[in-house]
Amino acid sequence: MTENLSVLLVDDEEELVSALRERMELRGIDAVLALNGQQALHEAEMKKFDVAVIDVMMPEMSGMEVMEQLLKVQPGIKVILLTGRGDENDSAAGLRMGAFDYIIKPVNINVLLDLIRRAVKKNND
């Protein structure tokens, strides 16, 4: 199920996204990281992704803004929001704006991979 999956990881915490990318690549998932919204949108213009995992709280451009722009560039992409505060309001707003789901930090890689698989499966149904 993980073959040929392409995931965009967007978070200003480089250690976190680097670790997630490494764990995904070990499972055969093509993961690209972006450390801010502009970089994420640039990556999305260069390559098609199945899923984007986006941190809600980032400087300059919030995760919500990134998601909004990303959905214009790649309308079919599934978005999973990362929230560090456990703030249900951000997450609920994100779901209303079109996010597939959200996950609270610290991230359990197996839970995240399960969410990614569910998002892709929903796309393929």
C-alpha atoms as a PDB file:
ATOM      1  CA  MET A   1       0.000   0.000   0.000  1.00  0.00           C
ATOM      2  CA  THR A   2       2.917   2.375   0.564  1.00  0.00           C
ATOM      3  CA  GLU A   3       4.474   1.925  -2.879  1.00  0.00           C
ATOM      4  CA  ASN A   4       4.516   4.952  -5.141  1.00  0.00           C
ATOM      5  CA  LEU A   5       3.066   7.226  -2.485  1.00  0.00           C
ATOM      6  CA  SER A   6       4.263  10.787  -2.590  1.00  0.00           C
ATOM      7  CA  VAL A   7       4.007  12.861   0.584  1.00  0.00           C
ATOM      8  CA  LEU A   8       4.814  16.529   1.172  1.00  0.00           C
ATOM      9  CA  LEU A   9       5.909  17.232   4.767  1.00  0.00           C
ATOM     10  CA  VAL A  10       5.595  20.877   5.824  1.00  0.00           C
ATOM     11  CA  ASP A  11       6.892  22.003   9.208  1.00  0.00           C
ATOM     12  CA  ASP A  12       9.335  24.654  10.387  1.00  0.00           C
ATOM     13  CA  GLU A  13      10.837  22.105  12.824  1.00  0.00           C
ATOM     14  CA  GLU A  14      13.554  20.667  10.592  1.00  0.00           C
ATOM     15  CA  GLU A  15      14.432  17.841  12.988  1.00  0.00           C
ATOM     16  CA  LEU A  16      10.846  16.606  13.032  1.00  0.00           C
ATOM     17  CA  VAL A  17      10.263  16.629   9.263  1.00  0.00           C
ATOM     18  CA  SER A  18      13.690  15.133   8.585  1.00  0.00           C
ATOM     19  CA  ALA A  19      12.932  12.264  10.979  1.00  0.00           C
ATOM     20  CA  LEU A  20       9.477  11.739   9.451  1.00  0.00           C
ATOM     21  CA  ARG A  21      10.928  11.766   5.933  1.00  0.00           C
ATOM     22  CA  GLU A  22      13.544   9.202   6.919  1.00  0.00           C
ATOM     23  CA  ARG A  23      10.954   6.911   8.532  1.00  0.00           C
ATOM     24  CA  MET A  24       8.682   7.176   5.476  1.00  0.00           C
ATOM     25  CA  GLU A  25      11.471   6.523   2.988  1.00  0.00           C
ATOM     26  CA  LEU A  26      12.383   3.363   4.928  1.00  0.00           C
ATOM     27  CA  ARG A  27       8.825   2.230   4.148  1.00  0.00           C
ATOM     28  CA  GLY A  28       9.105   3.030   0.450  1.00  0.00           C
ATOM     29  CA  ILE A  29       7.222   6.330   0.558  1.00  0.00           C
ATOM     30  CA  ASP A  30       8.582   9.228  -1.469  1.00  0.00           C
ATOM     31  CA  ALA A  31       8.657  12.071   1.067  1.00  0.00           C
ATOM     32  CA  VAL A  32       9.659  15.658   0.301  1.00  0.00           C
ATOM     33  CA  LEU A  33      10.126  18.198   3.051  1.00  0.00           C
ATOM     34  CA  ALA A  34       9.461  21.908   3.113  1.00  0.00           C
ATOM     35  CA  LEU A  35      10.381  24.130   6.051  1.00  0.00           C
ATOM     36  CA  ASN A  36       7.863  26.888   5.274  1.00  0.00           C
ATOM     37  CA  GLY A  37       4.769  27.652   3.247  1.00  0.00           C
ATOM     38  CA  GLN A  38       6.545  29.217   0.285  1.00  0.00           C
ATOM     39  CA  GLN A  39       8.837  26.222  -0.066  1.00  0.00           C
ATOM     40  CA  ALA A  40       5.826  23.883   0.180  1.00  0.00           C
ATOM     41  CA  LEU A  41       3.973  25.708  -2.595  1.00  0.00           C
ATOM     42  CA  HIS A  42       7.111  25.703  -4.759  1.00  0.00           C
ATOM     43  CA  GLU A  43       7.437  21.918  -4.289  1.00  0.00           C
ATOM     44  CA  ALA A  44       3.743  21.480  -5.147  1.00  0.00           C
ATOM     45  CA  GLU A  45       4.224  23.375  -8.407  1.00  0.00           C
ATOM     46  CA  MET A  46       7.126  21.083  -9.329  1.00  0.00           C
ATOM     47  CA  LYS A  47       5.642  17.717  -8.376  1.00  0.00           C
ATOM     48  CA  LYS A  48       2.293  16.037  -7.710  1.00  0.00           C
ATOM     49  CA  PHE A  49       1.720  14.730  -4.180  1.00  0.00           C
ATOM     50  CA  ASP A  50      -0.889  12.290  -2.859  1.00  0.00           C
ATOM     51  CA  VAL A  51      -0.853  13.705   0.663  1.00  0.00           C
ATOM     52  CA  ALA A  52       0.486  16.801   2.431  1.00  0.00           C
ATOM     53  CA  VAL A  53       1.217  16.772   6.158  1.00  0.00           C
ATOM     54  CA  ILE A  54       1.182  20.418   7.269  1.00  0.00           C
ATOM     55  CA  ASP A  55       2.011  21.979  10.635  1.00  0.00           C
ATOM     56  CA  VAL A  56      -0.713  24.422  11.702  1.00  0.00           C
ATOM     57  CA  MET A  57       1.617  26.786  13.596  1.00  0.00           C
ATOM     58  CA  MET A  58       4.386  28.158  11.382  1.00  0.00           C
ATOM     59  CA  PRO A  59       5.917  31.623  11.100  1.00  0.00           C
ATOM     60  CA  GLU A  60       5.114  33.841   8.083  1.00  0.00           C
ATOM     61  CA  MET A  61       2.459  31.571   6.549  1.00  0.00           C
ATOM     62  CA  SER A  62       0.179  29.456   8.762  1.00  0.00           C
ATOM     63  CA  GLY A  63      -0.639  25.864   7.966  1.00  0.00           C
ATOM     64  CA  MET A  64      -4.194  26.926   7.123  1.00  0.00           C
ATOM     65  CA  GLU A  65      -2.915  29.413   4.542  1.00  0.00           C
ATOM     66  CA  VAL A  66      -0.569  26.788   3.098  1.00  0.00           C
ATOM     67  CA  MET A  67      -3.439  24.304   2.845  1.00  0.00           C
ATOM     68  CA  GLU A  68      -5.710  26.853   1.159  1.00  0.00           C
ATOM     69  CA  GLN A  69      -3.067  27.676  -1.479  1.00  0.00           C
ATOM     70  CA  LEU A  70      -2.040  24.043  -1.897  1.00  0.00           C
ATOM     71  CA  LEU A  71      -5.614  22.955  -2.624  1.00  0.00           C
ATOM     72  CA  LYS A  72      -5.664  25.511  -5.465  1.00  0.00           C
ATOM     73  CA  VAL A  73      -2.404  24.183  -6.934  1.00  0.00           C
ATOM     74  CA  GLN A  74      -3.302  20.491  -6.421  1.00  0.00           C
ATOM     75  CA  PRO A  75      -7.081  20.160  -5.951  1.00  0.00           C
ATOM     76  CA  GLY A  76      -6.978  16.385  -5.370  1.00  0.00           C
ATOM     77  CA  ILE A  77      -4.358  16.399  -2.626  1.00  0.00           C
ATOM     78  CA  LYS A  78      -5.329  15.114   0.822  1.00  0.00           C
ATOM     79  CA  VAL A  79      -4.149  17.286   3.721  1.00  0.00           C
ATOM     80  CA  ILE A  80      -3.353  16.058   7.215  1.00  0.00           C
ATOM     81  CA  LEU A  81      -2.768  18.848   9.713  1.00  0.00           C
ATOM     82  CA  LEU A  82      -0.189  18.654  12.497  1.00  0.00           C
ATOM     83  CA  THR A  83      -1.035  20.529  15.636  1.00  0.00           C
ATOM     84  CA  GLY A  84       1.231  20.926  18.624  1.00  0.00           C
ATOM     85  CA  ARG A  85      -1.252  22.551  20.956  1.00  0.00           C
ATOM     86  CA  GLY A  86      -4.028  20.011  20.856  1.00  0.00           C
ATOM     87  CA  ASP A  87      -6.154  23.006  19.897  1.00  0.00           C
ATOM     88  CA  GLU A  88      -9.385  21.511  18.661  1.00  0.00           C
ATOM     89  CA  ASN A  89     -10.501  24.851  17.189  1.00  0.00           C
ATOM     90  CA  ASP A  90      -7.637  24.985  14.673  1.00  0.00           C
ATOM     91  CA  SER A  91      -8.193  21.364  13.774  1.00  0.00           C
ATOM     92  CA  ALA A  92     -11.960  21.733  13.372  1.00  0.00           C
ATOM     93  CA  ALA A  93     -11.477  24.847  11.240  1.00  0.00           C
ATOM     94  CA  GLY A  94      -8.964  22.928   9.127  1.00  0.00           C
ATOM     95  CA  LEU A  95     -11.445  20.099   8.584  1.00  0.00           C
ATOM     96  CA  ARG A  96     -14.101  22.608   7.490  1.00  0.00           C
ATOM     97  CA  MET A  97     -11.567  24.125   5.060  1.00  0.00           C
ATOM     98  CA  GLY A  98     -10.936  20.761   3.439  1.00  0.00           C
ATOM     99  CA  ALA A  99      -8.337  18.907   5.505  1.00  0.00           C
ATOM    100  CA  PHE A 100      -8.729  15.127   5.522  1.00  0.00           C
ATOM    101  CA  ASP A 101      -7.794  14.820   9.206  1.00  0.00           C
ATOM    102  CA  TYR A 102      -5.357  16.031  11.834  1.00  0.00           C
ATOM    103  CA  ILE A 103      -2.793  14.550  14.195  1.00  0.00           C
ATOM    104  CA  ILE A 104      -1.471  15.987  17.443  1.00  0.00           C
ATOM    105  CA  LYS A 105       2.259  16.262  18.161  1.00  0.00           C
ATOM    106  CA  PRO A 106       4.326  14.435  19.237  1.00  0.00           C
ATOM    107  CA  VAL A 107       3.687  12.380  16.110  1.00  0.00           C
ATOM    108  CA  ASN A 108       3.407   8.612  16.320  1.00  0.00           C
ATOM    109  CA  ILE A 109       4.763   7.507  12.925  1.00  0.00           C
ATOM    110  CA  ASN A 110       2.467   4.468  12.763  1.00  0.00           C
ATOM    111  CA  VAL A 111      -0.631   6.573  13.444  1.00  0.00           C
ATOM    112  CA  LEU A 112       0.500   9.074  10.796  1.00  0.00           C
ATOM    113  CA  LEU A 113       1.163   6.316   8.240  1.00  0.00           C
ATOM    114  CA  ASP A 114      -2.280   4.873   8.937  1.00  0.00           C
ATOM    115  CA  LEU A 115      -3.850   8.306   8.345  1.00  0.00           C
ATOM    116  CA  ILE A 116      -1.890   8.688   5.090  1.00  0.00           C
ATOM    117  CA  ARG A 117      -3.051   5.254   3.900  1.00  0.00           C
ATOM    118  CA  ARG A 118      -6.676   6.095   4.770  1.00  0.00           C
ATOM    119  CA  ALA A 119      -6.411   9.426   2.923  1.00  0.00           C
ATOM    120  CA  VAL A 120      -5.013   7.756  -0.203  1.00  0.00           C
ATOM    121  CA  LYS A 121      -7.571   4.963  -0.034  1.00  0.00           C
ATOM    122  CA  LYS A 122     -10.350   7.570   0.160  1.00  0.00           C
ATOM    123  CA  ASN A 123      -8.866   9.222  -2.933  1.00  0.00           C
ATOM    124  CA  ASN A 124      -8.900   5.899  -4.777  1.00  0.00           C
ATOM    125  CA  ASP A 125     -12.416   4.830  -3.734  1.00  0.00           C
END
